[in-house]
Amino acid sequence: MTIGRLVGAITPRAQVMRFLNDSISTLLALFEADGTLVEANRGFRHLLESMPDGRDPAVVFVNPGLAELNGMADEAGTGLVYRGLMTVGNVDCDSDTWLGTVYRVGYQLLVACERDIAADRNLRVELFRLTDEYAAKERMLAKAHRELARRTAEVERLTFTDSLTDLPNRRAFDQELEREILRSARYGEPLSLLIVDLDHFKRVNDRFGHAVGDDVLRSVAASLRAEARGVDTVARWGGEEFAVLVPATGMDSARRLAERIRRRIGKMSRPEGVAPITASVGVAGWLGPDDGSAALFKRADRALYKAKHDGRNRIRVADEGPECQAGS
């Protein structure tokens, strides 16, 4: 039994017509030869309602056009005028391509269009492929972004970090010093600076080699970190010289910190054969809003020079007399 006979056997013709009339995936419409719409099902009405020009059937047929359909000869006995792809809609707005069949009934045209299921399936497959391809490229871009961020962070770290001790380098310290001076000026808080220089360090390098000297520098860096607070900035200024920036700290506390650092360096473990390491420390305090970073560092450096001049392994405070002699 054919599908047509089966439908005819179990479904009244009226129900089939009701289904076609209510269908939105099938377009059915009857036109006069001049393009006047006579009747349309739900799908075709939905198409017309989406057009900005309203229900003007003259804009419905894009390809083939209405004049072209009227000029086609119909198939004898069936009235078939055209079967194939039809672009139906508005060329300036919405248009869609359907599988269409056009019949001539007297002087009227019956248009029936339906979706190309195979084309839709191919479209879905292509959309899935493009979606997968887009997702893969998106994952690649995300991975590349993470790698770029990692490399950028690494470049920044190398730019502002001493590779030997993993402490901030001079550039990073200079920037932090400027920020802390601005913060101290804003909140009216004290600020202290310590410059720590290892005594006779060149002798260690000359006698034991730079590898041993590097080990000593790393041990000094660890000692400085151990004595400093989390808010303090410990940096390798260069060579065997280190700087410690101590925010919200007056001179008395800064002197005590300097003494703890000096003692810890003298007691730290060292490679076999290396004599105890000693350090000289210069301490200076920020004097107020008119005191810049260069002036502050210059005073601390002068205090360090005085500690060296007075015999090393001691602390000197800028603009003050001897304090904290070795062993005191």
C-alpha atoms as a PDB file:
ATOM      1  CA  MET A   1       0.000   0.000   0.000  1.00  0.00           C
ATOM      2  CA  THR A   2       1.348   3.424  -0.900  1.00  0.00           C
ATOM      3  CA  ILE A   3       1.704   6.238   1.656  1.00  0.00           C
ATOM      4  CA  GLY A   4      -1.046   8.165  -0.133  1.00  0.00           C
ATOM      5  CA  ARG A   5      -3.474   5.265   0.156  1.00  0.00           C
ATOM      6  CA  LEU A   6      -2.430   4.638   3.754  1.00  0.00           C
ATOM      7  CA  VAL A   7      -3.067   8.273   4.678  1.00  0.00           C
ATOM      8  CA  GLY A   8      -6.338   8.174   2.812  1.00  0.00           C
ATOM      9  CA  ALA A   9      -7.328   4.992   4.645  1.00  0.00           C
ATOM     10  CA  ILE A  10      -6.676   6.201   8.194  1.00  0.00           C
ATOM     11  CA  THR A  11      -6.966   9.972   7.989  1.00  0.00           C
ATOM     12  CA  PRO A  12      -9.853  12.020   6.623  1.00  0.00           C
ATOM     13  CA  ARG A  13      -8.836  14.487   3.912  1.00  0.00           C
ATOM     14  CA  ALA A  14      -9.974  17.364   6.110  1.00  0.00           C
ATOM     15  CA  GLN A  15      -7.422  16.465   8.801  1.00  0.00           C
ATOM     16  CA  VAL A  16      -4.625  16.339   6.200  1.00  0.00           C
ATOM     17  CA  MET A  17      -5.644  19.756   4.955  1.00  0.00           C
ATOM     18  CA  ARG A  18      -5.799  21.063   8.521  1.00  0.00           C
ATOM     19  CA  PHE A  19      -2.272  19.758   9.137  1.00  0.00           C
ATOM     20  CA  LEU A  20      -0.940  21.430   5.995  1.00  0.00           C
ATOM     21  CA  ASN A  21      -2.755  24.652   6.826  1.00  0.00           C
ATOM     22  CA  ASP A  22      -1.248  24.748  10.351  1.00  0.00           C
ATOM     23  CA  SER A  23       2.261  23.651   9.347  1.00  0.00           C
ATOM     24  CA  ILE A  24       5.014  26.242   9.764  1.00  0.00           C
ATOM     25  CA  SER A  25       7.706  24.154   8.067  1.00  0.00           C
ATOM     26  CA  THR A  26       5.716  23.926   4.837  1.00  0.00           C
ATOM     27  CA  LEU A  27       4.717  26.956   2.774  1.00  0.00           C
ATOM     28  CA  LEU A  28       1.443  26.778   0.878  1.00  0.00           C
ATOM     29  CA  ALA A  29      -0.055  29.761  -0.943  1.00  0.00           C
ATOM     30  CA  LEU A  30      -2.434  30.473  -3.805  1.00  0.00           C
ATOM     31  CA  PHE A  31      -1.773  33.518  -6.002  1.00  0.00           C
ATOM     32  CA  GLU A  32      -3.548  35.220  -8.835  1.00  0.00           C
ATOM     33  CA  ALA A  33      -1.477  35.617 -11.997  1.00  0.00           C
ATOM     34  CA  ASP A  34      -0.855  39.277 -11.090  1.00  0.00           C
ATOM     35  CA  GLY A  35       0.620  38.234  -7.755  1.00  0.00           C
ATOM     36  CA  THR A  36      -2.391  38.937  -5.582  1.00  0.00           C
ATOM     37  CA  LEU A  37      -2.453  36.588  -2.626  1.00  0.00           C
ATOM     38  CA  VAL A  38      -5.630  34.554  -2.446  1.00  0.00           C
ATOM     39  CA  GLU A  39      -4.912  32.228   0.457  1.00  0.00           C
ATOM     40  CA  ALA A  40      -1.892  31.130   2.514  1.00  0.00           C
ATOM     41  CA  ASN A  41      -1.205  28.597   5.233  1.00  0.00           C
ATOM     42  CA  ARG A  42       0.401  29.362   8.600  1.00  0.00           C
ATOM     43  CA  GLY A  43       3.983  28.884   7.334  1.00  0.00           C
ATOM     44  CA  PHE A  44       3.535  31.291   4.447  1.00  0.00           C
ATOM     45  CA  ARG A  45       1.737  33.858   6.609  1.00  0.00           C
ATOM     46  CA  HIS A  46       4.599  33.666   9.084  1.00  0.00           C
ATOM     47  CA  LEU A  47       7.027  34.438   6.254  1.00  0.00           C
ATOM     48  CA  LEU A  48       4.966  37.413   5.102  1.00  0.00           C
ATOM     49  CA  GLU A  49       4.631  38.798   8.624  1.00  0.00           C
ATOM     50  CA  SER A  50       8.427  38.854   8.947  1.00  0.00           C
ATOM     51  CA  MET A  51       8.751  41.174   5.954  1.00  0.00           C
ATOM     52  CA  PRO A  52       9.072  44.904   6.612  1.00  0.00           C
ATOM     53  CA  ASP A  53       6.789  45.673   3.668  1.00  0.00           C
ATOM     54  CA  GLY A  54       3.860  43.734   5.145  1.00  0.00           C
ATOM     55  CA  ARG A  55       1.832  41.298   3.092  1.00  0.00           C
ATOM     56  CA  ASP A  56       2.881  42.467  -0.340  1.00  0.00           C
ATOM     57  CA  PRO A  57       3.171  39.256  -2.400  1.00  0.00           C
ATOM     58  CA  ALA A  58       5.091  41.102  -5.100  1.00  0.00           C
ATOM     59  CA  VAL A  59       8.215  40.875  -2.970  1.00  0.00           C
ATOM     60  CA  VAL A  60       7.850  37.194  -2.104  1.00  0.00           C
ATOM     61  CA  PHE A  61       9.338  35.571  -5.217  1.00  0.00           C
ATOM     62  CA  VAL A  62      13.048  36.311  -5.427  1.00  0.00           C
ATOM     63  CA  ASN A  63      14.276  33.486  -7.643  1.00  0.00           C
ATOM     64  CA  PRO A  64      12.521  32.506  -9.845  1.00  0.00           C
ATOM     65  CA  GLY A  65      10.510  35.718  -9.997  1.00  0.00           C
ATOM     66  CA  LEU A  66       6.729  35.947 -10.422  1.00  0.00           C
ATOM     67  CA  ALA A  67       6.959  37.047 -14.071  1.00  0.00           C
ATOM     68  CA  GLU A  68       9.250  34.150 -14.845  1.00  0.00           C
ATOM     69  CA  LEU A  69       6.840  31.659 -13.245  1.00  0.00           C
ATOM     70  CA  ASN A  70       3.928  33.091 -15.218  1.00  0.00           C
ATOM     71  CA  GLY A  71       5.892  32.626 -18.431  1.00  0.00           C
ATOM     72  CA  MET A  72       6.625  28.967 -17.814  1.00  0.00           C
ATOM     73  CA  ALA A  73       4.570  26.318 -19.577  1.00  0.00           C
ATOM     74  CA  ASP A  74       2.725  23.877 -17.350  1.00  0.00           C
ATOM     75  CA  GLU A  75       3.055  20.135 -17.624  1.00  0.00           C
ATOM     76  CA  ALA A  76       0.067  18.716 -19.440  1.00  0.00           C
ATOM     77  CA  GLY A  77      -2.330  16.861 -17.198  1.00  0.00           C
ATOM     78  CA  THR A  78      -0.669  17.874 -13.926  1.00  0.00           C
ATOM     79  CA  GLY A  79      -0.445  21.647 -14.101  1.00  0.00           C
ATOM     80  CA  LEU A  80       3.155  21.474 -12.852  1.00  0.00           C
ATOM     81  CA  VAL A  81       4.981  24.682 -13.749  1.00  0.00           C
ATOM     82  CA  TYR A  82       8.201  24.520 -11.721  1.00  0.00           C
ATOM     83  CA  ARG A  83      10.002  22.211  -9.334  1.00  0.00           C
ATOM     84  CA  GLY A  84      13.323  23.055  -7.724  1.00  0.00           C
ATOM     85  CA  LEU A  85      14.972  25.496  -5.380  1.00  0.00           C
ATOM     86  CA  MET A  86      13.032  28.678  -4.743  1.00  0.00           C
ATOM     87  CA  THR A  87      14.286  31.753  -2.920  1.00  0.00           C
ATOM     88  CA  VAL A  88      11.268  33.224  -1.217  1.00  0.00           C
ATOM     89  CA  GLY A  89      11.297  36.385   0.816  1.00  0.00           C
ATOM     90  CA  ASN A  90      12.463  39.973   0.580  1.00  0.00           C
ATOM     91  CA  VAL A  91      15.761  40.795  -1.128  1.00  0.00           C
ATOM     92  CA  ASP A  92      16.241  43.769   1.209  1.00  0.00           C
ATOM     93  CA  CYS A  93      15.583  41.821   4.383  1.00  0.00           C
ATOM     94  CA  ASP A  94      14.660  38.211   5.062  1.00  0.00           C
ATOM     95  CA  SER A  95      14.873  35.621   2.318  1.00  0.00           C
ATOM     96  CA  ASP A  96      15.198  31.882   2.417  1.00  0.00           C
ATOM     97  CA  THR A  97      15.718  29.086  -0.059  1.00  0.00           C
ATOM     98  CA  TRP A  98      13.303  26.160  -0.075  1.00  0.00           C
ATOM     99  CA  LEU A  99      12.470  23.188  -2.230  1.00  0.00           C
ATOM    100  CA  GLY A 100       9.493  24.493  -4.185  1.00  0.00           C
ATOM    101  CA  THR A 101       6.770  23.199  -6.466  1.00  0.00           C
ATOM    102  CA  VAL A 102       4.485  25.531  -8.432  1.00  0.00           C
ATOM    103  CA  TYR A 103       1.240  24.424 -10.087  1.00  0.00           C
ATOM    104  CA  ARG A 104      -0.969  26.408 -12.412  1.00  0.00           C
ATOM    105  CA  VAL A 105      -4.671  26.028 -11.642  1.00  0.00           C
ATOM    106  CA  GLY A 106      -6.560  28.004 -14.255  1.00  0.00           C
ATOM    107  CA  TYR A 107      -5.048  31.485 -14.000  1.00  0.00           C
ATOM    108  CA  GLN A 108      -3.831  30.975 -10.465  1.00  0.00           C
ATOM    109  CA  LEU A 109      -0.510  29.695  -9.123  1.00  0.00           C
ATOM    110  CA  LEU A 110      -0.364  27.232  -6.246  1.00  0.00           C
ATOM    111  CA  VAL A 111       3.012  27.413  -4.508  1.00  0.00           C
ATOM    112  CA  ALA A 112       4.162  24.654  -2.177  1.00  0.00           C
ATOM    113  CA  CYS A 113       7.599  24.859  -0.534  1.00  0.00           C
ATOM    114  CA  GLU A 114       9.340  22.629   1.976  1.00  0.00           C
ATOM    115  CA  ARG A 115      12.657  22.414   3.692  1.00  0.00           C
ATOM    116  CA  ASP A 116      15.447  20.446   1.979  1.00  0.00           C
ATOM    117  CA  ILE A 117      16.040  17.910   4.761  1.00  0.00           C
ATOM    118  CA  ALA A 118      19.304  16.744   3.226  1.00  0.00           C
ATOM    119  CA  ALA A 119      20.520  20.325   2.949  1.00  0.00           C
ATOM    120  CA  ASP A 120      19.502  20.991   6.541  1.00  0.00           C
ATOM    121  CA  ARG A 121      21.350  17.889   7.653  1.00  0.00           C
ATOM    122  CA  ASN A 122      24.441  18.962   5.719  1.00  0.00           C
ATOM    123  CA  LEU A 123      24.115  22.408   7.223  1.00  0.00           C
ATOM    124  CA  ARG A 124      23.951  20.972  10.732  1.00  0.00           C
ATOM    125  CA  VAL A 125      26.982  18.805  10.027  1.00  0.00           C
ATOM    126  CA  GLU A 126      28.863  21.841   8.736  1.00  0.00           C
ATOM    127  CA  LEU A 127      27.786  23.912  11.726  1.00  0.00           C
ATOM    128  CA  PHE A 128      28.971  21.192  14.092  1.00  0.00           C
ATOM    129  CA  ARG A 129      32.264  21.008  12.208  1.00  0.00           C
ATOM    130  CA  LEU A 130      32.713  24.764  12.329  1.00  0.00           C
ATOM    131  CA  THR A 131      31.762  24.789  16.001  1.00  0.00           C
ATOM    132  CA  ASP A 132      34.323  22.093  16.774  1.00  0.00           C
ATOM    133  CA  GLU A 133      36.908  23.905  14.691  1.00  0.00           C
ATOM    134  CA  TYR A 134      36.119  27.174  16.461  1.00  0.00           C
ATOM    135  CA  ALA A 135      36.328  25.472  19.858  1.00  0.00           C
ATOM    136  CA  ALA A 136      39.677  23.930  18.932  1.00  0.00           C
ATOM    137  CA  LYS A 137      41.019  27.290  17.799  1.00  0.00           C
ATOM    138  CA  GLU A 138      39.621  28.901  20.924  1.00  0.00           C
ATOM    139  CA  ARG A 139      41.466  26.321  23.028  1.00  0.00           C
ATOM    140  CA  MET A 140      44.636  27.014  21.046  1.00  0.00           C
ATOM    141  CA  LEU A 141      44.218  30.751  21.582  1.00  0.00           C
ATOM    142  CA  ALA A 142      43.598  30.229  25.302  1.00  0.00           C
ATOM    143  CA  LYS A 143      46.726  28.079  25.527  1.00  0.00           C
ATOM    144  CA  ALA A 144      48.720  30.672  23.600  1.00  0.00           C
ATOM    145  CA  HIS A 145      47.359  33.394  25.889  1.00  0.00           C
ATOM    146  CA  ARG A 146      48.388  31.447  28.982  1.00  0.00           C
ATOM    147  CA  GLU A 147      51.849  30.867  27.528  1.00  0.00           C
ATOM    148  CA  LEU A 148      52.159  34.559  26.637  1.00  0.00           C
ATOM    149  CA  ALA A 149      51.069  35.536  30.145  1.00  0.00           C
ATOM    150  CA  ARG A 150      53.595  33.097  31.618  1.00  0.00           C
ATOM    151  CA  ARG A 151      56.401  34.428  29.466  1.00  0.00           C
ATOM    152  CA  THR A 152      55.415  38.028  30.185  1.00  0.00           C
ATOM    153  CA  ALA A 153      55.459  37.302  33.915  1.00  0.00           C
ATOM    154  CA  GLU A 154      58.828  35.594  33.536  1.00  0.00           C
ATOM    155  CA  VAL A 155      60.260  38.557  31.610  1.00  0.00           C
ATOM    156  CA  GLU A 156      58.943  40.903  34.282  1.00  0.00           C
ATOM    157  CA  ARG A 157      60.411  38.707  37.000  1.00  0.00           C
ATOM    158  CA  LEU A 158      63.806  38.660  35.283  1.00  0.00           C
ATOM    159  CA  THR A 159      63.607  42.413  34.786  1.00  0.00           C
ATOM    160  CA  PHE A 160      63.064  43.126  38.470  1.00  0.00           C
ATOM    161  CA  THR A 161      64.741  40.146  40.178  1.00  0.00           C
ATOM    162  CA  ASP A 162      68.373  39.355  40.903  1.00  0.00           C
ATOM    163  CA  SER A 163      68.976  35.954  39.329  1.00  0.00           C
ATOM    164  CA  LEU A 164      71.546  34.842  41.913  1.00  0.00           C
ATOM    165  CA  THR A 165      69.730  35.607  45.178  1.00  0.00           C
ATOM    166  CA  ASP A 166      66.148  35.819  43.867  1.00  0.00           C
ATOM    167  CA  LEU A 167      65.867  39.162  45.664  1.00  0.00           C
ATOM    168  CA  PRO A 168      64.492  42.299  44.002  1.00  0.00           C
ATOM    169  CA  ASN A 169      67.222  43.997  42.001  1.00  0.00           C
ATOM    170  CA  ARG A 170      68.269  47.632  41.996  1.00  0.00           C
ATOM    171  CA  ARG A 171      65.609  48.677  39.477  1.00  0.00           C
ATOM    172  CA  ALA A 172      62.841  47.111  41.539  1.00  0.00           C
ATOM    173  CA  PHE A 173      64.234  48.631  44.737  1.00  0.00           C
ATOM    174  CA  ASP A 174      64.396  52.120  43.223  1.00  0.00           C
ATOM    175  CA  GLN A 175      60.738  51.909  42.235  1.00  0.00           C
ATOM    176  CA  GLU A 176      59.715  50.635  45.674  1.00  0.00           C
ATOM    177  CA  LEU A 177      61.716  53.400  47.376  1.00  0.00           C
ATOM    178  CA  GLU A 178      59.849  56.059  45.387  1.00  0.00           C
ATOM    179  CA  ARG A 179      56.482  54.467  46.253  1.00  0.00           C
ATOM    180  CA  GLU A 180      57.320  54.250  49.952  1.00  0.00           C
ATOM    181  CA  ILE A 181      58.437  57.882  50.087  1.00  0.00           C
ATOM    182  CA  LEU A 182      55.117  58.949  48.550  1.00  0.00           C
ATOM    183  CA  ARG A 183      53.215  56.745  50.976  1.00  0.00           C
ATOM    184  CA  SER A 184      55.165  58.053  53.971  1.00  0.00           C
ATOM    185  CA  ALA A 185      54.530  61.637  52.860  1.00  0.00           C
ATOM    186  CA  ARG A 186      50.814  60.924  52.483  1.00  0.00           C
ATOM    187  CA  TYR A 187      50.348  59.283  55.877  1.00  0.00           C
ATOM    188  CA  GLY A 188      53.067  61.122  57.791  1.00  0.00           C
ATOM    189  CA  GLU A 189      54.907  57.921  58.740  1.00  0.00           C
ATOM    190  CA  PRO A 190      58.656  57.400  59.240  1.00  0.00           C
ATOM    191  CA  LEU A 191      60.765  55.489  56.750  1.00  0.00           C
ATOM    192  CA  SER A 192      64.228  54.015  57.227  1.00  0.00           C
ATOM    193  CA  LEU A 193      66.863  52.717  54.844  1.00  0.00           C
ATOM    194  CA  LEU A 194      69.677  50.261  55.560  1.00  0.00           C
ATOM    195  CA  ILE A 195      72.639  49.601  53.260  1.00  0.00           C
ATOM    196  CA  VAL A 196      74.477  46.383  54.075  1.00  0.00           C
ATOM    197  CA  ASP A 197      77.926  45.714  52.622  1.00  0.00           C
ATOM    198  CA  LEU A 198      79.986  42.563  53.203  1.00  0.00           C
ATOM    199  CA  ASP A 199      83.459  43.199  54.529  1.00  0.00           C
ATOM    200  CA  HIS A 200      86.477  42.031  52.496  1.00  0.00           C
ATOM    201  CA  PHE A 201      84.223  39.940  50.270  1.00  0.00           C
ATOM    202  CA  LYS A 202      86.680  40.171  47.398  1.00  0.00           C
ATOM    203  CA  ARG A 203      89.033  37.966  49.391  1.00  0.00           C
ATOM    204  CA  VAL A 204      86.422  35.175  49.414  1.00  0.00           C
ATOM    205  CA  ASN A 205      86.100  35.296  45.631  1.00  0.00           C
ATOM    206  CA  ASP A 206      89.841  35.525  45.073  1.00  0.00           C
ATOM    207  CA  ARG A 207      90.713  32.632  47.399  1.00  0.00           C
ATOM    208  CA  PHE A 208      87.760  30.250  46.986  1.00  0.00           C
ATOM    209  CA  GLY A 209      86.324  31.217  43.606  1.00  0.00           C
ATOM    210  CA  HIS A 210      83.086  32.784  42.512  1.00  0.00           C
ATOM    211  CA  ALA A 211      81.035  29.629  43.080  1.00  0.00           C
ATOM    212  CA  VAL A 212      81.795  29.794  46.810  1.00  0.00           C
ATOM    213  CA  GLY A 213      81.246  33.542  46.743  1.00  0.00           C
ATOM    214  CA  ASP A 214      77.828  32.991  45.172  1.00  0.00           C
ATOM    215  CA  ASP A 215      76.912  30.551  47.950  1.00  0.00           C
ATOM    216  CA  VAL A 216      77.855  33.175  50.524  1.00  0.00           C
ATOM    217  CA  LEU A 217      75.717  35.820  48.784  1.00  0.00           C
ATOM    218  CA  ARG A 218      72.729  33.478  48.763  1.00  0.00           C
ATOM    219  CA  SER A 219      73.226  32.803  52.488  1.00  0.00           C
ATOM    220  CA  VAL A 220      73.363  36.544  53.183  1.00  0.00           C
ATOM    221  CA  ALA A 221      70.138  37.036  51.206  1.00  0.00           C
ATOM    222  CA  ALA A 222      68.461  34.324  53.319  1.00  0.00           C
ATOM    223  CA  SER A 223      69.712  35.996  56.518  1.00  0.00           C
ATOM    224  CA  LEU A 224      68.299  39.359  55.452  1.00  0.00           C
ATOM    225  CA  ARG A 225      64.934  37.809  54.604  1.00  0.00           C
ATOM    226  CA  ALA A 226      64.850  36.073  57.981  1.00  0.00           C
ATOM    227  CA  GLU A 227      65.265  39.344  59.877  1.00  0.00           C
ATOM    228  CA  ALA A 228      63.046  41.516  57.687  1.00  0.00           C
ATOM    229  CA  ARG A 229      59.283  41.830  58.043  1.00  0.00           C
ATOM    230  CA  GLY A 230      56.837  41.044  55.300  1.00  0.00           C
ATOM    231  CA  VAL A 231      56.333  44.761  54.569  1.00  0.00           C
ATOM    232  CA  ASP A 232      60.063  45.420  54.293  1.00  0.00           C
ATOM    233  CA  THR A 233      61.861  45.339  50.962  1.00  0.00           C
ATOM    234  CA  VAL A 234      65.183  43.480  50.816  1.00  0.00           C
ATOM    235  CA  ALA A 235      67.138  43.881  47.585  1.00  0.00           C
ATOM    236  CA  ARG A 236      70.529  43.124  46.163  1.00  0.00           C
ATOM    237  CA  TRP A 237      71.838  46.535  45.242  1.00  0.00           C
ATOM    238  CA  GLY A 238      74.857  45.180  43.401  1.00  0.00           C
ATOM    239  CA  GLY A 239      77.931  43.051  44.027  1.00  0.00           C
ATOM    240  CA  GLU A 240      78.147  42.350  47.763  1.00  0.00           C
ATOM    241  CA  GLU A 241      75.921  45.287  48.673  1.00  0.00           C
ATOM    242  CA  PHE A 242      72.312  44.903  49.823  1.00  0.00           C
ATOM    243  CA  ALA A 243      69.590  47.404  50.700  1.00  0.00           C
ATOM    244  CA  VAL A 244      66.727  47.072  53.176  1.00  0.00           C
ATOM    245  CA  LEU A 245      63.779  49.486  53.052  1.00  0.00           C
ATOM    246  CA  VAL A 246      61.850  49.604  56.327  1.00  0.00           C
ATOM    247  CA  PRO A 247      58.473  51.416  56.122  1.00  0.00           C
ATOM    248  CA  ALA A 248      56.683  52.928  59.131  1.00  0.00           C
ATOM    249  CA  THR A 249      59.849  52.486  61.196  1.00  0.00           C
ATOM    250  CA  GLY A 250      61.834  55.117  63.075  1.00  0.00           C
ATOM    251  CA  MET A 251      65.567  55.226  63.619  1.00  0.00           C
ATOM    252  CA  ASP A 252      65.631  53.350  66.928  1.00  0.00           C
ATOM    253  CA  SER A 253      63.870  50.323  65.459  1.00  0.00           C
ATOM    254  CA  ALA A 254      65.955  50.582  62.292  1.00  0.00           C
ATOM    255  CA  ARG A 255      69.187  50.504  64.366  1.00  0.00           C
ATOM    256  CA  ARG A 256      67.982  47.416  66.201  1.00  0.00           C
ATOM    257  CA  LEU A 257      67.155  45.707  62.912  1.00  0.00           C
ATOM    258  CA  ALA A 258      70.593  46.598  61.558  1.00  0.00           C
ATOM    259  CA  GLU A 259      72.226  45.062  64.622  1.00  0.00           C
ATOM    260  CA  ARG A 260      70.206  41.843  64.262  1.00  0.00           C
ATOM    261  CA  ILE A 261      71.240  41.621  60.619  1.00  0.00           C
ATOM    262  CA  ARG A 262      74.903  42.208  61.451  1.00  0.00           C
ATOM    263  CA  ARG A 263      74.863  39.514  64.124  1.00  0.00           C
ATOM    264  CA  ARG A 264      73.000  36.977  61.975  1.00  0.00           C
ATOM    265  CA  ILE A 265      75.400  37.400  59.066  1.00  0.00           C
ATOM    266  CA  GLY A 266      78.344  36.864  61.426  1.00  0.00           C
ATOM    267  CA  LYS A 267      76.834  33.612  62.698  1.00  0.00           C
ATOM    268  CA  MET A 268      75.552  32.140  59.441  1.00  0.00           C
ATOM    269  CA  SER A 269      76.926  28.863  58.122  1.00  0.00           C
ATOM    270  CA  ARG A 270      79.570  29.135  55.414  1.00  0.00           C
ATOM    271  CA  PRO A 271      81.594  26.882  53.138  1.00  0.00           C
ATOM    272  CA  GLU A 272      84.486  24.986  54.718  1.00  0.00           C
ATOM    273  CA  GLY A 273      87.602  27.093  55.066  1.00  0.00           C
ATOM    274  CA  VAL A 274      85.821  30.409  54.693  1.00  0.00           C
ATOM    275  CA  ALA A 275      86.381  32.786  57.620  1.00  0.00           C
ATOM    276  CA  PRO A 276      83.329  34.270  59.373  1.00  0.00           C
ATOM    277  CA  ILE A 277      81.556  36.778  57.152  1.00  0.00           C
ATOM    278  CA  THR A 278      81.083  40.253  58.593  1.00  0.00           C
ATOM    279  CA  ALA A 279      79.052  43.190  57.363  1.00  0.00           C
ATOM    280  CA  SER A 280      79.012  46.947  57.753  1.00  0.00           C
ATOM    281  CA  VAL A 281      75.649  48.714  57.819  1.00  0.00           C
ATOM    282  CA  GLY A 282      74.699  52.322  57.110  1.00  0.00           C
ATOM    283  CA  VAL A 283      71.329  53.543  58.381  1.00  0.00           C
ATOM    284  CA  ALA A 284      69.423  56.688  57.393  1.00  0.00           C
ATOM    285  CA  GLY A 285      65.931  57.974  57.998  1.00  0.00           C
ATOM    286  CA  TRP A 286      63.611  59.886  55.702  1.00  0.00           C
ATOM    287  CA  LEU A 287      63.473  63.517  56.827  1.00  0.00           C
ATOM    288  CA  GLY A 288      60.137  64.610  55.389  1.00  0.00           C
ATOM    289  CA  PRO A 289      58.368  65.713  52.188  1.00  0.00           C
ATOM    290  CA  ASP A 290      61.380  67.704  50.962  1.00  0.00           C
ATOM    291  CA  ASP A 291      63.667  64.673  51.315  1.00  0.00           C
ATOM    292  CA  GLY A 292      63.985  62.741  48.036  1.00  0.00           C
ATOM    293  CA  SER A 293      65.132  59.210  47.372  1.00  0.00           C
ATOM    294  CA  ALA A 294      68.571  60.283  46.113  1.00  0.00           C
ATOM    295  CA  ALA A 295      69.276  62.323  49.247  1.00  0.00           C
ATOM    296  CA  LEU A 296      68.070  59.521  51.526  1.00  0.00           C
ATOM    297  CA  PHE A 297      70.249  56.958  49.801  1.00  0.00           C
ATOM    298  CA  LYS A 298      73.236  59.304  49.829  1.00  0.00           C
ATOM    299  CA  ARG A 299      73.009  59.709  53.624  1.00  0.00           C
ATOM    300  CA  ALA A 300      72.757  55.950  54.146  1.00  0.00           C
ATOM    301  CA  ASP A 301      75.730  55.415  51.829  1.00  0.00           C
ATOM    302  CA  ARG A 302      77.775  57.974  53.752  1.00  0.00           C
ATOM    303  CA  ALA A 303      76.915  56.214  57.007  1.00  0.00           C
ATOM    304  CA  LEU A 304      78.070  52.931  55.440  1.00  0.00           C
ATOM    305  CA  TYR A 305      81.321  54.532  54.347  1.00  0.00           C
ATOM    306  CA  LYS A 306      81.864  55.739  57.901  1.00  0.00           C
ATOM    307  CA  ALA A 307      81.277  52.208  59.237  1.00  0.00           C
ATOM    308  CA  LYS A 308      83.886  50.922  56.804  1.00  0.00           C
ATOM    309  CA  HIS A 309      86.289  53.715  57.709  1.00  0.00           C
ATOM    310  CA  ASP A 310      85.863  53.070  61.433  1.00  0.00           C
ATOM    311  CA  GLY A 311      86.961  49.431  61.158  1.00  0.00           C
ATOM    312  CA  ARG A 312      84.103  47.493  59.485  1.00  0.00           C
ATOM    313  CA  ASN A 313      81.722  44.980  61.105  1.00  0.00           C
ATOM    314  CA  ARG A 314      79.744  47.785  62.689  1.00  0.00           C
ATOM    315  CA  ILE A 315      76.756  50.088  62.227  1.00  0.00           C
ATOM    316  CA  ARG A 316      76.710  53.809  61.629  1.00  0.00           C
ATOM    317  CA  VAL A 317      73.670  56.029  61.529  1.00  0.00           C
ATOM    318  CA  ALA A 318      73.533  59.073  59.283  1.00  0.00           C
ATOM    319  CA  ASP A 319      74.355  62.320  61.078  1.00  0.00           C
ATOM    320  CA  GLU A 320      74.897  60.515  64.388  1.00  0.00           C
ATOM    321  CA  GLY A 321      77.942  59.243  66.287  1.00  0.00           C
ATOM    322  CA  PRO A 322      79.268  55.672  66.536  1.00  0.00           C
ATOM    323  CA  GLU A 323      76.798  53.036  67.638  1.00  0.00           C
ATOM    324  CA  CYS A 324      76.607  49.280  67.862  1.00  0.00           C
ATOM    325  CA  GLN A 325      80.309  48.504  67.664  1.00  0.00           C
ATOM    326  CA  ALA A 326      81.274  44.964  66.769  1.00  0.00           C
ATOM    327  CA  GLY A 327      80.493  42.694  69.645  1.00  0.00           C
ATOM    328  CA  SER A 328      78.257  45.265  71.368  1.00  0.00           C
END
